């Protein structure tokens, strides 16, 4: 691992790279392999002493995946990493590795929807008791801890509504060596947030998003220190879980420009979020980097930046009007995922069972890409102006009808 004195941008450029191992080639090549040949049986037998981090058999990785593991571990300040074929696979793999029948799991109520579904279905079917907690719970999470509690799962900021969780307070309240704090760090990436420094034990990235950064690969990463790393790595290897070398190479490519891209995402997102907050068709913008956001204090304390994903609560309006607004946009794609260079928009319908539903109007999720923010604002304001005009017409009709 490199010296921790390196600045973040320098670390992103150099982490996991060993040009001398490949004749001076700057980028680690894509190494595709299943069978690896040995000069004699003794060399083959010696290779079996270590499954991980050495070229042995394709299921344990190649130089391409080893480079990404080293880079992600260095960026997070951890002992190692495990790679998965998607972000959800990383979530499922970590939880299955850390939990057994009879255990109790605490999960933030603002968790990613497919992760919630995995907890409510697969884990419950396997005899694991699941309790969802209010994302603003902080140190009071100690009141929910049981003797059987083994994992506290956080996602900060939370999915769709973007509440920042108080990881240091949660970690302090769950000091038992039997409890593992897991944090989904996809939104901020290790460039803007390092949960392991705040008391967490494992972080998860849907590297599909900002790490890859170009909407062209599916990939998940779990980063941890020992002894958690060994459990997570052994479970993945034992279940034949691996990420392909091409996807790992795309993530390495994306990692080199992560800092530059995130700063642009952040700058544009702040400009657009501030502008939208003042529009009459908007009730509220859900973005912790805004001074008006309920999570602003925690975000300023624990994060060094914000990315391009945030929520928008519209004033009360019809479902058809929201659909017409989205369809009117010319620069915002309609599609799942985020973190690429393109701007995206989707309606969002958060599921909450342990916290208050306090939004008045429909919610949207916006990802601000790398386009010029002036162009994006013109596109959004044109649509919102149409939406606002439609709302005023509906209000006048309603008033006439009820005179």
Protein backbone atom coordinates (compact mmCIF):
# COMPACT_ATOMS: atom_id res chain seq x y z
CA UNK A 1 0.00 0.00 0.00
CA UNK A 2 1.30 3.46 -0.88
CA UNK A 3 2.17 6.10 1.68
CA UNK A 4 -0.98 7.76 3.06
CA UNK A 5 0.55 11.21 2.43
CA UNK A 6 -0.39 11.11 -1.25
CA UNK A 7 -3.15 13.52 -2.23
CA UNK A 8 -6.35 11.97 -3.53
CA UNK A 9 -5.84 12.84 -7.19
CA UNK A 10 -2.28 11.50 -7.16
CA UNK A 11 -3.50 8.32 -5.50
CA UNK A 12 -6.16 7.80 -8.16
CA UNK A 13 -3.58 8.04 -10.94
CA UNK A 14 -1.05 5.65 -9.42
CA UNK A 15 -3.01 3.19 -7.24
CA UNK A 16 -2.81 -0.40 -8.51
CA UNK A 17 -0.50 0.47 -11.44
CA UNK A 18 2.77 -1.40 -12.03
CA UNK A 19 3.96 -0.48 -15.54
CA UNK A 20 7.29 -2.25 -15.01
CA UNK A 21 5.45 -5.58 -14.76
CA UNK A 22 4.17 -5.12 -18.32
CA UNK A 23 7.18 -3.78 -20.16
CA UNK A 24 6.37 -0.16 -19.28
CA UNK A 25 2.75 -0.23 -20.48
CA UNK A 26 0.93 2.58 -18.66
CA UNK A 27 -2.40 0.80 -18.20
CA UNK A 28 -2.65 -2.68 -16.73
CA UNK A 29 -3.65 -4.87 -19.70
CA UNK A 30 -6.83 -6.94 -19.88
CA UNK A 31 -5.68 -10.43 -18.91
CA UNK A 32 -8.30 -13.09 -19.73
CA UNK A 33 -7.53 -16.52 -18.36
CA UNK A 34 -9.02 -19.69 -16.98
CA UNK A 35 -6.16 -22.20 -17.00
CA UNK A 36 -2.71 -21.13 -15.82
CA UNK A 37 0.21 -23.42 -16.64
CA UNK A 38 3.15 -24.20 -14.34
CA UNK A 39 6.68 -25.35 -15.27
CA UNK A 40 6.51 -28.36 -12.92
CA UNK A 41 4.31 -30.01 -10.30
CA UNK A 42 6.25 -28.39 -7.48
CA UNK A 43 5.42 -24.91 -8.73
CA UNK A 44 1.78 -25.94 -9.08
CA UNK A 45 1.67 -27.23 -5.50
CA UNK A 46 3.35 -24.09 -4.15
CA UNK A 47 0.81 -21.90 -5.93
CA UNK A 48 -2.01 -23.47 -3.94
CA UNK A 49 -0.69 -21.97 -0.72
CA UNK A 50 -2.24 -18.63 -1.64
CA UNK A 51 -5.53 -18.33 -3.55
CA UNK A 52 -5.79 -14.57 -3.62
CA UNK A 53 -3.63 -11.93 -5.27
CA UNK A 54 -1.47 -14.31 -7.29
CA UNK A 55 -2.12 -15.75 -10.72
CA UNK A 56 -3.33 -19.27 -10.03
CA UNK A 57 -6.65 -20.00 -11.72
CA UNK A 58 -9.07 -17.69 -13.51
CA UNK A 59 -11.74 -17.93 -10.84
CA UNK A 60 -9.40 -16.19 -8.38
CA UNK A 61 -8.63 -13.35 -10.76
CA UNK A 62 -5.89 -12.15 -13.06
CA UNK A 63 -3.46 -9.25 -13.02
CA UNK A 64 -6.29 -6.97 -14.18
CA UNK A 65 -8.54 -7.71 -11.22
CA UNK A 66 -5.56 -7.73 -8.83
CA UNK A 67 -4.76 -4.17 -9.92
CA UNK A 68 -8.33 -3.01 -9.23
CA UNK A 69 -8.36 -4.72 -5.83
CA UNK A 70 -5.13 -2.98 -4.87
CA UNK A 71 -6.37 0.38 -6.15
CA UNK A 72 -9.72 0.25 -4.33
CA UNK A 73 -8.11 -0.90 -1.08
CA UNK A 74 -5.62 1.94 -1.25
CA UNK A 75 -8.28 4.54 -2.00
CA UNK A 76 -10.41 3.36 0.94
CA UNK A 77 -7.44 2.89 3.28
CA UNK A 78 -8.15 -0.82 3.79
CA UNK A 79 -6.44 -4.20 3.81
CA UNK A 80 -8.11 -5.45 0.67
CA UNK A 81 -11.16 -5.66 -1.58
CA UNK A 82 -13.45 -8.21 -3.18
CA UNK A 83 -14.93 -7.78 -6.66
CA UNK A 84 -18.43 -8.77 -7.78
CA UNK A 85 -20.33 -8.73 -11.09
CA UNK A 86 -22.68 -5.95 -9.89
CA UNK A 87 -23.34 -3.63 -6.97
CA UNK A 88 -26.28 -5.73 -5.80
CA UNK A 89 -24.08 -8.83 -5.93
CA UNK A 90 -21.64 -7.04 -3.62
CA UNK A 91 -24.45 -6.16 -1.18
CA UNK A 92 -25.84 -9.69 -1.20
CA UNK A 93 -22.40 -11.29 -0.97
CA UNK A 94 -21.28 -9.20 1.99
CA UNK A 95 -24.49 -9.79 3.94
CA UNK A 96 -24.49 -13.52 3.26
CA UNK A 97 -20.85 -13.76 4.31
CA UNK A 98 -21.45 -11.95 7.60
CA UNK A 99 -24.83 -13.39 8.64
CA UNK A 100 -26.08 -16.82 9.68
CA UNK A 101 -29.53 -18.21 10.54
CA UNK A 102 -30.69 -16.79 13.87
CA UNK A 103 -28.75 -13.53 13.47
CA UNK A 104 -30.29 -10.07 13.58
CA UNK A 105 -29.64 -7.39 10.95
CA UNK A 106 -30.28 -3.65 11.31
CA UNK A 107 -30.83 -1.83 7.99
CA UNK A 108 -31.35 1.84 7.24
CA UNK A 109 -34.87 2.63 6.08
CA UNK A 110 -33.31 4.66 3.25
CA UNK A 111 -31.61 1.62 1.74
CA UNK A 112 -31.40 0.95 -2.01
CA UNK A 113 -34.64 -0.71 -3.12
CA UNK A 114 -33.18 -4.00 -4.44
CA UNK A 115 -31.13 -4.32 -1.23
CA UNK A 116 -34.34 -3.90 0.82
CA UNK A 117 -35.98 -6.60 -1.27
CA UNK A 118 -33.01 -8.94 -0.73
CA UNK A 119 -33.27 -8.43 3.03
CA UNK A 120 -37.03 -8.92 3.07
CA UNK A 121 -36.97 -12.06 0.95
CA UNK A 122 -33.72 -14.02 0.75
CA UNK A 123 -32.39 -13.17 4.20
CA UNK A 124 -35.69 -13.66 6.01
CA UNK A 125 -36.16 -17.02 4.24
CA UNK A 126 -32.74 -17.99 5.61
CA UNK A 127 -33.77 -17.33 9.21
CA UNK A 128 -32.22 -13.88 9.58
CA UNK A 129 -34.31 -11.31 11.46
CA UNK A 130 -34.31 -7.88 9.80
CA UNK A 131 -35.17 -4.55 11.44
CA UNK A 132 -35.24 -1.29 9.48
CA UNK A 133 -34.20 1.89 11.31
CA UNK A 134 -34.81 5.58 10.78
CA UNK A 135 -31.77 6.97 8.90
CA UNK A 136 -31.58 9.85 11.37
CA UNK A 137 -31.35 7.55 14.40
CA UNK A 138 -27.69 8.26 15.27
CA UNK A 139 -26.60 6.96 18.66
CA UNK A 140 -30.15 5.87 19.51
CA UNK A 141 -29.55 2.84 17.32
CA UNK A 142 -28.21 1.25 20.49
CA UNK A 143 -31.83 0.85 21.61
CA UNK A 144 -32.43 -1.53 18.67
CA UNK A 145 -29.37 -3.71 19.22
CA UNK A 146 -30.03 -7.24 20.45
CA UNK A 147 -27.66 -9.98 21.61
CA UNK A 148 -28.17 -11.55 18.17
CA UNK A 149 -27.36 -8.36 16.20
CA UNK A 150 -24.45 -9.04 13.88
CA UNK A 151 -24.60 -6.36 11.15
CA UNK A 152 -25.69 -2.74 10.95
CA UNK A 153 -26.18 -1.78 7.30
CA UNK A 154 -26.05 1.92 6.37
CA UNK A 155 -26.30 3.78 3.09
CA UNK A 156 -25.16 7.37 3.36
CA UNK A 157 -26.64 9.45 1.89
CA UNK A 158 -29.75 7.29 1.69
CA UNK A 159 -31.27 6.14 -1.57
CA UNK A 160 -33.76 8.56 -3.20
CA UNK A 161 -34.15 10.86 -0.17
CA UNK A 162 -30.44 11.44 0.56
CA UNK A 163 -30.33 11.53 4.36
CA UNK A 164 -26.77 11.41 5.70
CA UNK A 165 -26.36 8.87 8.49
CA UNK A 166 -24.21 9.60 11.53
CA UNK A 167 -21.69 6.80 11.05
CA UNK A 168 -19.44 7.77 14.00
CA UNK A 169 -22.44 7.83 16.37
CA UNK A 170 -23.75 4.52 15.04
CA UNK A 171 -20.30 2.92 15.34
CA UNK A 172 -19.88 4.22 18.89
CA UNK A 173 -23.27 2.81 19.90
CA UNK A 174 -22.46 -0.60 18.37
CA UNK A 175 -19.02 -1.27 19.81
CA UNK A 176 -19.53 -4.99 20.34
CA UNK A 177 -16.87 -6.98 18.47
CA UNK A 178 -19.73 -9.18 17.26
CA UNK A 179 -21.29 -6.30 15.26
CA UNK A 180 -20.04 -5.29 11.82
CA UNK A 181 -20.85 -1.82 10.45
CA UNK A 182 -21.36 -1.95 6.67
CA UNK A 183 -21.78 1.25 4.62
CA UNK A 184 -22.87 1.59 1.00
CA UNK A 185 -20.56 4.38 -0.17
CA UNK A 186 -21.61 4.46 -3.84
CA UNK A 187 -22.91 8.06 -3.84
CA UNK A 188 -19.74 9.73 -2.57
CA UNK A 189 -17.07 7.16 -3.53
CA UNK A 190 -13.85 7.06 -1.48
CA UNK A 191 -12.83 10.30 -3.18
CA UNK A 192 -15.33 12.28 -1.09
CA UNK A 193 -16.02 9.96 1.85
CA UNK A 194 -14.12 7.22 3.71
CA UNK A 195 -16.48 5.41 6.13
CA UNK A 196 -13.72 3.13 7.43
CA UNK A 197 -12.08 6.22 8.94
CA UNK A 198 -15.35 6.95 10.79
CA UNK A 199 -15.73 3.57 12.46
CA UNK A 200 -17.25 1.36 9.75
CA UNK A 201 -15.76 -2.06 9.02
CA UNK A 202 -16.87 -2.69 5.42
CA UNK A 203 -17.75 -0.38 2.55
CA UNK A 204 -19.60 -1.32 -0.61
CA UNK A 205 -19.46 0.38 -3.99
CA UNK A 206 -21.69 -0.14 -6.99
CA UNK A 207 -18.66 0.56 -9.17
CA UNK A 208 -21.09 0.49 -12.08
CA UNK A 209 -21.77 4.11 -11.15
CA UNK A 210 -18.99 6.69 -10.63
CA UNK A 211 -15.99 4.34 -10.52
CA UNK A 212 -16.58 3.03 -14.05
CA UNK A 213 -18.16 6.37 -14.91
CA UNK A 214 -19.16 5.69 -18.52
CA UNK A 215 -22.36 3.61 -18.26
CA UNK A 216 -20.75 0.64 -19.97
CA UNK A 217 -19.98 -1.96 -17.29
CA UNK A 218 -21.58 -3.69 -14.29
CA UNK A 219 -19.32 -4.10 -11.26
CA UNK A 220 -19.42 -4.22 -7.46
CA UNK A 221 -16.67 -3.81 -4.86
CA UNK A 222 -16.53 -4.55 -1.15
CA UNK A 223 -13.58 -3.09 0.78
CA UNK A 224 -12.66 -4.20 4.30
CA UNK A 225 -10.00 -4.75 6.90
CA UNK A 226 -9.23 -8.04 8.57
CA UNK A 227 -10.87 -10.15 9.93
CA UNK A 228 -13.95 -9.12 7.94
CA UNK A 229 -12.04 -9.18 4.67
CA UNK A 230 -11.20 -12.87 5.02
CA UNK A 231 -14.83 -13.86 5.66
CA UNK A 232 -16.12 -11.83 2.72
CA UNK A 233 -13.39 -13.03 0.36
CA UNK A 234 -13.80 -16.69 1.34
CA UNK A 235 -17.57 -16.57 0.82
CA UNK A 236 -17.20 -15.02 -2.64
CA UNK A 237 -14.55 -17.54 -3.69
CA UNK A 238 -16.55 -20.43 -2.27
CA UNK A 239 -19.61 -19.40 -4.28
CA UNK A 240 -17.73 -18.84 -7.53
CA UNK A 241 -18.32 -15.08 -7.48
CA UNK A 242 -15.94 -13.05 -9.64
CA UNK A 243 -15.81 -9.99 -11.87
CA UNK A 244 -14.63 -10.25 -15.46
CA UNK A 245 -11.27 -8.75 -16.50
CA UNK A 246 -12.86 -6.45 -19.08
CA UNK A 247 -15.11 -4.88 -16.46
CA UNK A 248 -12.15 -4.51 -14.10
CA UNK A 249 -10.16 -2.78 -16.83
CA UNK A 250 -13.05 -0.35 -17.45
CA UNK A 251 -13.14 0.43 -13.73
CA UNK A 252 -9.40 1.07 -13.66
CA UNK A 253 -9.79 3.41 -16.63
CA UNK A 254 -12.61 5.25 -14.85
CA UNK A 255 -10.72 5.48 -11.58
CA UNK A 256 -7.92 7.54 -13.15
CA UNK A 257 -10.31 10.41 -14.00
CA UNK A 258 -12.62 10.04 -11.00
CA UNK A 259 -11.49 13.20 -9.22
CA UNK A 260 -11.86 15.44 -12.27
CA UNK A 261 -15.26 13.99 -13.11
CA UNK A 262 -16.64 14.21 -9.58
CA UNK A 263 -15.62 17.83 -9.21
CA UNK A 264 -17.50 18.66 -12.41
CA UNK A 265 -20.54 16.62 -11.34
CA UNK A 266 -20.48 18.46 -8.01
CA UNK A 267 -20.10 21.95 -9.47
CA UNK A 268 -22.91 21.48 -11.97
CA UNK A 269 -25.20 19.75 -9.47
CA UNK A 270 -24.87 22.59 -6.97
CA UNK A 271 -25.69 25.19 -9.62
CA UNK A 272 -28.75 23.26 -10.75
CA UNK A 273 -29.94 22.29 -7.26
CA UNK A 274 -29.82 25.92 -6.09
CA UNK A 275 -31.71 27.10 -9.15
CA UNK A 276 -34.39 24.42 -8.86
CA UNK A 277 -34.92 25.19 -5.17
CA UNK A 278 -36.20 28.64 -6.17
CA UNK A 279 -38.62 27.47 -8.85
CA UNK A 280 -42.34 27.74 -7.97
CA UNK A 281 -43.00 24.19 -9.21
CA UNK A 282 -40.46 22.79 -6.72
CA UNK A 283 -41.29 22.17 -3.08
CA UNK A 284 -37.82 21.08 -1.98
CA UNK A 285 -34.45 19.85 -3.25
CA UNK A 286 -32.98 16.85 -1.41
CA UNK A 287 -29.23 17.37 -1.61
CA UNK A 288 -27.00 17.39 1.50
CA UNK A 289 -24.60 19.93 -0.02
CA UNK A 290 -27.31 22.63 0.22
CA UNK A 291 -27.34 24.76 3.36
CA UNK A 292 -31.08 24.23 3.68
CA UNK A 293 -30.81 20.43 3.74
CA UNK A 294 -31.52 18.59 6.99
CA UNK A 295 -28.28 16.60 6.61
CA UNK A 296 -26.01 19.55 5.83
CA UNK A 297 -24.18 19.58 9.17
CA UNK A 298 -23.35 15.87 9.03
CA UNK A 299 -22.36 16.13 5.38
CA UNK A 300 -19.96 19.01 6.09
CA UNK A 301 -18.43 17.10 8.99
CA UNK A 302 -17.93 13.72 7.31
CA UNK A 303 -17.69 14.38 3.55
CA UNK A 304 -15.22 16.39 1.50
CA UNK A 305 -17.58 16.86 -1.44
CA UNK A 306 -20.87 16.00 -3.09
CA UNK A 307 -21.67 14.26 -6.35
CA UNK A 308 -24.24 14.71 -9.10
CA UNK A 309 -27.19 12.72 -7.72
CA UNK A 310 -30.02 14.36 -5.78
CA UNK A 311 -33.77 14.36 -5.30
CA UNK A 312 -36.42 16.93 -6.11
CA UNK A 313 -39.81 17.15 -4.44
CA UNK A 314 -42.33 18.88 -6.69
CA UNK A 315 -45.31 20.82 -5.43
CA UNK A 316 -48.49 18.75 -5.38
CA UNK A 317 -49.36 17.87 -8.96
CA UNK A 318 -50.89 15.05 -10.97
CA UNK A 319 -49.14 11.88 -12.08
CA UNK A 320 -49.87 12.76 -15.71
CA UNK A 321 -48.32 16.21 -15.29
CA UNK A 322 -45.12 14.68 -13.92
CA UNK A 323 -44.94 12.26 -16.85
CA UNK A 324 -45.48 15.12 -19.29
CA UNK A 325 -42.70 17.13 -17.62
CA UNK A 326 -40.20 14.27 -17.86
CA UNK A 327 -41.15 13.53 -21.46
CA UNK A 328 -40.65 17.21 -22.39
CA UNK A 329 -36.95 17.17 -21.45
CA UNK A 330 -34.45 16.96 -24.26
CA UNK A 331 -31.13 16.51 -22.42
CA UNK A 332 -32.13 14.19 -19.57
CA UNK A 333 -32.24 10.50 -20.36
CA UNK A 334 -34.87 8.25 -18.81
CA UNK A 335 -33.07 5.18 -17.55
CA UNK A 336 -31.92 3.23 -14.51
CA UNK A 337 -28.54 3.68 -12.85
CA UNK A 338 -26.46 6.88 -12.75
CA UNK A 339 -22.85 7.99 -12.40
CA UNK A 340 -22.05 8.26 -16.10
CA UNK A 341 -21.34 11.33 -18.18
CA UNK A 342 -24.99 11.76 -19.19
CA UNK A 343 -27.77 13.45 -17.19
CA UNK A 344 -30.72 11.29 -16.16
CA UNK A 345 -34.13 11.73 -14.56
CA UNK A 346 -36.69 9.31 -13.12
CA UNK A 347 -39.73 9.55 -10.87
CA UNK A 348 -39.00 7.98 -7.48
CA UNK A 349 -41.27 6.24 -5.01
CA UNK A 350 -39.31 5.48 -1.82
CA UNK A 351 -40.50 2.67 0.42
CA UNK A 352 -40.29 3.64 4.10
CA UNK A 353 -41.40 1.47 7.03
CA UNK A 354 -39.40 2.90 9.94
CA UNK A 355 -39.45 6.64 9.28
CA UNK A 356 -42.00 9.33 8.55
CA UNK A 357 -43.13 9.97 4.99
CA UNK A 358 -42.99 13.75 5.03
CA UNK A 359 -42.99 14.74 1.38
CA UNK A 360 -46.01 16.57 0.00
CA UNK A 361 -45.60 16.19 -3.76
CA UNK A 362 -44.11 13.74 -6.26
CA UNK A 363 -40.40 12.95 -6.03
CA UNK A 364 -37.87 12.88 -8.82
CA UNK A 365 -34.30 11.60 -8.90
CA UNK A 366 -31.85 13.60 -11.02
CA UNK A 367 -28.34 12.71 -12.00
CA UNK A 368 -26.41 15.72 -13.29
CA UNK A 369 -23.90 14.65 -15.89
CA UNK A 370 -21.01 16.42 -17.55
CA UNK A 371 -23.02 18.63 -19.91
CA UNK A 372 -22.87 22.42 -19.52
CA UNK A 373 -25.12 23.29 -16.55
CA UNK A 374 -26.61 26.26 -18.41
CA UNK A 375 -27.97 23.93 -21.08
CA UNK A 376 -29.34 21.55 -18.46
CA UNK A 377 -30.99 24.40 -16.56
CA UNK A 378 -32.62 25.75 -19.70
CA UNK A 379 -34.02 22.28 -20.39
CA UNK A 380 -35.32 21.84 -16.83
CA UNK A 381 -36.77 25.33 -16.49
CA UNK A 382 -38.62 25.02 -19.79
CA UNK A 383 -40.27 21.84 -18.54
CA UNK A 384 -40.93 23.17 -15.03
CA UNK A 385 -42.47 26.35 -16.41
CA UNK A 386 -44.88 24.19 -18.42
CA UNK A 387 -45.61 22.15 -15.30
CA UNK A 388 -46.21 25.28 -13.23
CA UNK A 389 -48.58 26.70 -15.86
CA UNK A 390 -50.51 23.42 -15.93
CA UNK A 391 -50.77 23.49 -12.12
CA UNK A 392 -52.19 27.02 -12.21
CA UNK A 393 -54.77 26.02 -14.83
CA UNK A 394 -55.82 23.04 -12.72
CA UNK A 395 -56.09 25.24 -9.65
CA UNK A 396 -58.31 27.75 -11.49
CA UNK A 397 -60.57 24.93 -12.72
CA UNK A 398 -60.80 23.58 -9.20
CA UNK A 399 -61.71 26.99 -7.78
CA UNK A 400 -64.41 27.56 -10.42
CA UNK A 401 -65.88 24.11 -9.79
CA UNK A 402 -66.17 24.70 -6.05
CA UNK A 403 -67.59 28.24 -6.04
